[in-house]
């Protein structure tokens, strides 16, 4: 085979790999979206940034491999890579990874919750004790206020008589 044909085949295979990579990265974005709920605006911003990065990546590949000349078989190769990835993987990868990460996160949070349970109990006991003290001080304050009011009235009466 001539060197030109080998170079074109290599370029075509690289474009297929770029298509595979783009779809693989987008699946990770979908996994992140399943784990953390997003609004429409945030999804749009994520997609814009993703496709901007993909456009830059594809342009870099075209520039490096083919001196920046757009060849339609490169677009077809990227599309074939994406379709091949989706046909081979489908949505199983997103489902398996998001479910697995969700279960791992649930387990980690559960372990943390069990480890922090004594602190939680101590916190609630301390809070109950502080509330109890506050009520007692409030009653004591009311009693002292009444006694002081009585003493002030007595002092006024004594001073008014003289």
C-alpha atoms as a PDB file:
ATOM      1  CA  UNK A   1       0.000   0.000   0.000  1.00  0.00           C
ATOM      2  CA  UNK A   2       1.124   3.486  -0.639  1.00  0.00           C
ATOM      3  CA  UNK A   3       1.991   5.846   2.182  1.00  0.00           C
ATOM      4  CA  UNK A   4      -0.934   8.161   1.302  1.00  0.00           C
ATOM      5  CA  UNK A   5      -3.525   5.389   1.670  1.00  0.00           C
ATOM      6  CA  UNK A   6      -2.026   4.272   4.997  1.00  0.00           C
ATOM      7  CA  UNK A   7      -2.159   7.873   6.196  1.00  0.00           C
ATOM      8  CA  UNK A   8      -5.820   8.213   5.112  1.00  0.00           C
ATOM      9  CA  UNK A   9      -6.757   4.930   6.834  1.00  0.00           C
ATOM     10  CA  UNK A  10      -4.981   6.069  10.005  1.00  0.00           C
ATOM     11  CA  UNK A  11      -6.837   9.375   9.805  1.00  0.00           C
ATOM     12  CA  UNK A  12     -10.149   7.514   9.383  1.00  0.00           C
ATOM     13  CA  UNK A  13      -9.390   5.272  12.390  1.00  0.00           C
ATOM     14  CA  UNK A  14      -8.466   8.307  14.472  1.00  0.00           C
ATOM     15  CA  UNK A  15     -11.761   9.939  13.574  1.00  0.00           C
ATOM     16  CA  UNK A  16     -13.574   6.755  14.674  1.00  0.00           C
ATOM     17  CA  UNK A  17     -11.670   6.880  17.981  1.00  0.00           C
ATOM     18  CA  UNK A  18     -12.607  10.536  18.416  1.00  0.00           C
ATOM     19  CA  UNK A  19     -16.275   9.597  17.937  1.00  0.00           C
ATOM     20  CA  UNK A  20     -15.933   6.808  20.501  1.00  0.00           C
ATOM     21  CA  UNK A  21     -14.228   9.143  22.953  1.00  0.00           C
ATOM     22  CA  UNK A  22     -16.810  11.911  22.535  1.00  0.00           C
ATOM     23  CA  UNK A  23     -19.662   9.496  23.236  1.00  0.00           C
ATOM     24  CA  UNK A  24     -17.811   7.956  26.195  1.00  0.00           C
ATOM     25  CA  UNK A  25     -17.264  11.375  27.790  1.00  0.00           C
ATOM     26  CA  UNK A  26     -20.889  12.339  27.196  1.00  0.00           C
ATOM     27  CA  UNK A  27     -21.983   9.133  28.933  1.00  0.00           C
ATOM     28  CA  UNK A  28     -20.025  10.266  32.011  1.00  0.00           C
ATOM     29  CA  UNK A  29     -21.888  13.563  31.870  1.00  0.00           C
ATOM     30  CA  UNK A  30     -25.151  11.599  31.754  1.00  0.00           C
ATOM     31  CA  UNK A  31     -24.019   9.565  34.773  1.00  0.00           C
ATOM     32  CA  UNK A  32     -23.287  12.789  36.652  1.00  0.00           C
ATOM     33  CA  UNK A  33     -26.736  14.090  35.702  1.00  0.00           C
ATOM     34  CA  UNK A  34     -28.378  10.948  37.053  1.00  0.00           C
ATOM     35  CA  UNK A  35     -26.523  11.274  40.355  1.00  0.00           C
ATOM     36  CA  UNK A  36     -27.050  15.037  40.770  1.00  0.00           C
ATOM     37  CA  UNK A  37     -30.341  16.448  39.539  1.00  0.00           C
ATOM     38  CA  UNK A  38     -29.995  19.464  37.229  1.00  0.00           C
ATOM     39  CA  UNK A  39     -32.266  22.169  35.928  1.00  0.00           C
ATOM     40  CA  UNK A  40     -32.687  22.982  32.269  1.00  0.00           C
ATOM     41  CA  UNK A  41     -30.331  25.950  32.392  1.00  0.00           C
ATOM     42  CA  UNK A  42     -27.499  23.966  33.982  1.00  0.00           C
ATOM     43  CA  UNK A  43     -27.963  21.114  31.496  1.00  0.00           C
ATOM     44  CA  UNK A  44     -27.798  23.624  28.642  1.00  0.00           C
ATOM     45  CA  UNK A  45     -24.610  25.183  30.016  1.00  0.00           C
ATOM     46  CA  UNK A  46     -23.019  21.743  30.477  1.00  0.00           C
ATOM     47  CA  UNK A  47     -23.955  20.748  26.929  1.00  0.00           C
ATOM     48  CA  UNK A  48     -22.629  23.999  25.507  1.00  0.00           C
ATOM     49  CA  UNK A  49     -19.282  23.585  27.278  1.00  0.00           C
ATOM     50  CA  UNK A  50     -19.095  19.905  26.254  1.00  0.00           C
ATOM     51  CA  UNK A  51     -19.790  20.567  22.590  1.00  0.00           C
ATOM     52  CA  UNK A  52     -17.435  23.533  22.556  1.00  0.00           C
ATOM     53  CA  UNK A  53     -14.679  21.291  23.951  1.00  0.00           C
ATOM     54  CA  UNK A  54     -15.583  18.576  21.410  1.00  0.00           C
ATOM     55  CA  UNK A  55     -15.423  21.082  18.562  1.00  0.00           C
ATOM     56  CA  UNK A  56     -11.992  22.233  19.708  1.00  0.00           C
ATOM     57  CA  UNK A  57     -10.848  18.609  20.047  1.00  0.00           C
ATOM     58  CA  UNK A  58     -12.095  17.658  16.592  1.00  0.00           C
ATOM     59  CA  UNK A  59     -10.544  20.774  15.078  1.00  0.00           C
ATOM     60  CA  UNK A  60      -7.227  19.903  16.755  1.00  0.00           C
ATOM     61  CA  UNK A  61      -7.432  16.352  15.364  1.00  0.00           C
ATOM     62  CA  UNK A  62      -8.209  17.702  11.879  1.00  0.00           C
ATOM     63  CA  UNK A  63      -5.409  20.239  12.122  1.00  0.00           C
ATOM     64  CA  UNK A  64      -2.858  17.694  13.339  1.00  0.00           C
ATOM     65  CA  UNK A  65      -3.826  14.855  11.056  1.00  0.00           C
ATOM     66  CA  UNK A  66      -4.976  16.638   7.905  1.00  0.00           C
ATOM     67  CA  UNK A  67      -3.640  20.205   8.092  1.00  0.00           C
ATOM     68  CA  UNK A  68      -7.059  21.548   9.081  1.00  0.00           C
ATOM     69  CA  UNK A  69      -8.832  20.350   5.940  1.00  0.00           C
ATOM     70  CA  UNK A  70     -12.290  18.977   6.650  1.00  0.00           C
ATOM     71  CA  UNK A  71     -12.761  15.613   5.006  1.00  0.00           C
ATOM     72  CA  UNK A  72     -16.221  14.121   4.933  1.00  0.00           C
ATOM     73  CA  UNK A  73     -14.918  10.675   5.663  1.00  0.00           C
ATOM     74  CA  UNK A  74     -13.577  12.107   8.964  1.00  0.00           C
ATOM     75  CA  UNK A  75     -17.110  13.203   9.843  1.00  0.00           C
ATOM     76  CA  UNK A  76     -18.412   9.801   8.741  1.00  0.00           C
ATOM     77  CA  UNK A  77     -15.689   8.123  10.821  1.00  0.00           C
ATOM     78  CA  UNK A  78     -16.609  10.122  13.943  1.00  0.00           C
ATOM     79  CA  UNK A  79     -20.283   9.315  13.352  1.00  0.00           C
ATOM     80  CA  UNK A  80     -19.454   5.627  12.906  1.00  0.00           C
ATOM     81  CA  UNK A  81     -17.463   5.706  16.135  1.00  0.00           C
ATOM     82  CA  UNK A  82     -20.415   7.220  17.977  1.00  0.00           C
ATOM     83  CA  UNK A  83     -22.878   4.737  16.468  1.00  0.00           C
ATOM     84  CA  UNK A  84     -20.532   1.814  17.152  1.00  0.00           C
ATOM     85  CA  UNK A  85     -20.203   2.884  20.797  1.00  0.00           C
ATOM     86  CA  UNK A  86     -23.970   3.280  21.199  1.00  0.00           C
ATOM     87  CA  UNK A  87     -24.650  -0.063  19.484  1.00  0.00           C
ATOM     88  CA  UNK A  88     -22.073  -1.869  21.590  1.00  0.00           C
ATOM     89  CA  UNK A  89     -22.665  -0.203  24.939  1.00  0.00           C
ATOM     90  CA  UNK A  90     -26.177   1.258  24.571  1.00  0.00           C
ATOM     91  CA  UNK A  91     -27.405   2.692  27.870  1.00  0.00           C
ATOM     92  CA  UNK A  92     -26.133  -0.189  29.971  1.00  0.00           C
ATOM     93  CA  UNK A  93     -22.928   1.658  30.822  1.00  0.00           C
ATOM     94  CA  UNK A  94     -24.787   4.722  32.107  1.00  0.00           C
ATOM     95  CA  UNK A  95     -27.233   2.581  34.097  1.00  0.00           C
ATOM     96  CA  UNK A  96     -24.577   0.305  35.610  1.00  0.00           C
ATOM     97  CA  UNK A  97     -22.186   3.115  36.512  1.00  0.00           C
ATOM     98  CA  UNK A  98     -24.825   5.462  37.933  1.00  0.00           C
ATOM     99  CA  UNK A  99     -26.405   2.643  39.959  1.00  0.00           C
ATOM    100  CA  UNK A 100     -23.016   1.447  41.198  1.00  0.00           C
ATOM    101  CA  UNK A 101     -21.834   4.928  42.182  1.00  0.00           C
ATOM    102  CA  UNK A 102     -25.209   5.612  43.825  1.00  0.00           C
ATOM    103  CA  UNK A 103     -24.959   2.419  45.901  1.00  0.00           C
ATOM    104  CA  UNK A 104     -21.358   3.175  46.875  1.00  0.00           C
ATOM    105  CA  UNK A 105     -22.333   6.704  47.912  1.00  0.00           C
ATOM    106  CA  UNK A 106     -25.309   5.322  49.894  1.00  0.00           C
ATOM    107  CA  UNK A 107     -23.015   2.838  51.669  1.00  0.00           C
ATOM    108  CA  UNK A 108     -20.417   5.509  52.486  1.00  0.00           C
ATOM    109  CA  UNK A 109     -23.072   7.895  53.804  1.00  0.00           C
ATOM    110  CA  UNK A 110     -24.602   5.086  55.857  1.00  0.00           C
ATOM    111  CA  UNK A 111     -21.211   4.225  57.387  1.00  0.00           C
ATOM    112  CA  UNK A 112     -20.635   7.901  58.195  1.00  0.00           C
ATOM    113  CA  UNK A 113     -24.102   8.096  59.685  1.00  0.00           C
ATOM    114  CA  UNK A 114     -23.433   5.069  61.923  1.00  0.00           C
ATOM    115  CA  UNK A 115     -20.048   6.470  62.952  1.00  0.00           C
ATOM    116  CA  UNK A 116     -21.547   9.857  63.830  1.00  0.00           C
ATOM    117  CA  UNK A 117     -24.536   8.438  65.737  1.00  0.00           C
ATOM    118  CA  UNK A 118     -22.832   8.760  69.166  1.00  0.00           C
ATOM    119  CA  UNK A 119     -22.021  12.397  68.389  1.00  0.00           C
ATOM    120  CA  UNK A 120     -25.603  12.962  67.304  1.00  0.00           C
ATOM    121  CA  UNK A 121     -26.905  11.463  70.546  1.00  0.00           C
ATOM    122  CA  UNK A 122     -24.451  13.554  72.578  1.00  0.00           C
ATOM    123  CA  UNK A 123     -25.503  16.676  70.690  1.00  0.00           C
ATOM    124  CA  UNK A 124     -29.198  16.078  71.359  1.00  0.00           C
ATOM    125  CA  UNK A 125     -28.528  15.291  75.016  1.00  0.00           C
ATOM    126  CA  UNK A 126     -26.490  18.492  75.379  1.00  0.00           C
ATOM    127  CA  UNK A 127     -29.235  20.457  73.635  1.00  0.00           C
ATOM    128  CA  UNK A 128     -31.853  19.006  75.987  1.00  0.00           C
ATOM    129  CA  UNK A 129     -29.665  19.872  78.985  1.00  0.00           C
ATOM    130  CA  UNK A 130     -29.152  23.452  77.758  1.00  0.00           C
ATOM    131  CA  UNK A 131     -32.905  23.860  77.260  1.00  0.00           C
ATOM    132  CA  UNK A 132     -33.511  22.500  80.753  1.00  0.00           C
ATOM    133  CA  UNK A 133     -30.973  24.964  82.197  1.00  0.00           C
ATOM    134  CA  UNK A 134     -32.502  27.801  80.197  1.00  0.00           C
ATOM    135  CA  UNK A 135     -35.966  27.039  81.612  1.00  0.00           C
ATOM    136  CA  UNK A 136     -34.572  26.896  85.155  1.00  0.00           C
ATOM    137  CA  UNK A 137     -32.694  30.168  84.714  1.00  0.00           C
ATOM    138  CA  UNK A 138     -35.820  31.728  83.258  1.00  0.00           C
ATOM    139  CA  UNK A 139     -37.836  30.665  86.307  1.00  0.00           C
ATOM    140  CA  UNK A 140     -35.048  31.831  88.584  1.00  0.00           C
ATOM    141  CA  UNK A 141     -34.857  35.118  86.704  1.00  0.00           C
ATOM    142  CA  UNK A 142     -38.602  35.595  87.097  1.00  0.00           C
ATOM    143  CA  UNK A 143     -38.344  34.905  90.819  1.00  0.00           C
ATOM    144  CA  UNK A 144     -35.411  37.341  91.206  1.00  0.00           C
ATOM    145  CA  UNK A 145     -37.318  39.974  89.210  1.00  0.00           C
ATOM    146  CA  UNK A 146     -40.356  39.617  91.460  1.00  0.00           C
ATOM    147  CA  UNK A 147     -38.210  39.844  94.592  1.00  0.00           C
ATOM    148  CA  UNK A 148     -36.389  42.911  93.279  1.00  0.00           C
ATOM    149  CA  UNK A 149     -39.685  44.553  92.328  1.00  0.00           C
ATOM    150  CA  UNK A 150     -40.995  43.925  95.856  1.00  0.00           C
ATOM    151  CA  UNK A 151     -37.776  45.295  97.361  1.00  0.00           C
ATOM    152  CA  UNK A 152     -37.888  48.423  95.175  1.00  0.00           C
ATOM    153  CA  UNK A 153     -41.523  49.038  96.126  1.00  0.00           C
ATOM    154  CA  UNK A 154     -40.669  48.629  99.807  1.00  0.00           C
ATOM    155  CA  UNK A 155     -37.732  50.998  99.422  1.00  0.00           C
ATOM    156  CA  UNK A 156     -39.954  53.569  97.681  1.00  0.00           C
ATOM    157  CA  UNK A 157     -42.515  53.300 100.473  1.00  0.00           C
ATOM    158  CA  UNK A 158     -39.874  53.733 103.121  1.00  0.00           C
ATOM    159  CA  UNK A 159     -38.351  56.713 101.300  1.00  0.00           C
ATOM    160  CA  UNK A 160     -41.735  58.325 100.658  1.00  0.00           C
ATOM    161  CA  UNK A 161     -42.607  58.181 104.394  1.00  0.00           C
ATOM    162  CA  UNK A 162     -39.486  60.113 105.341  1.00  0.00           C
END
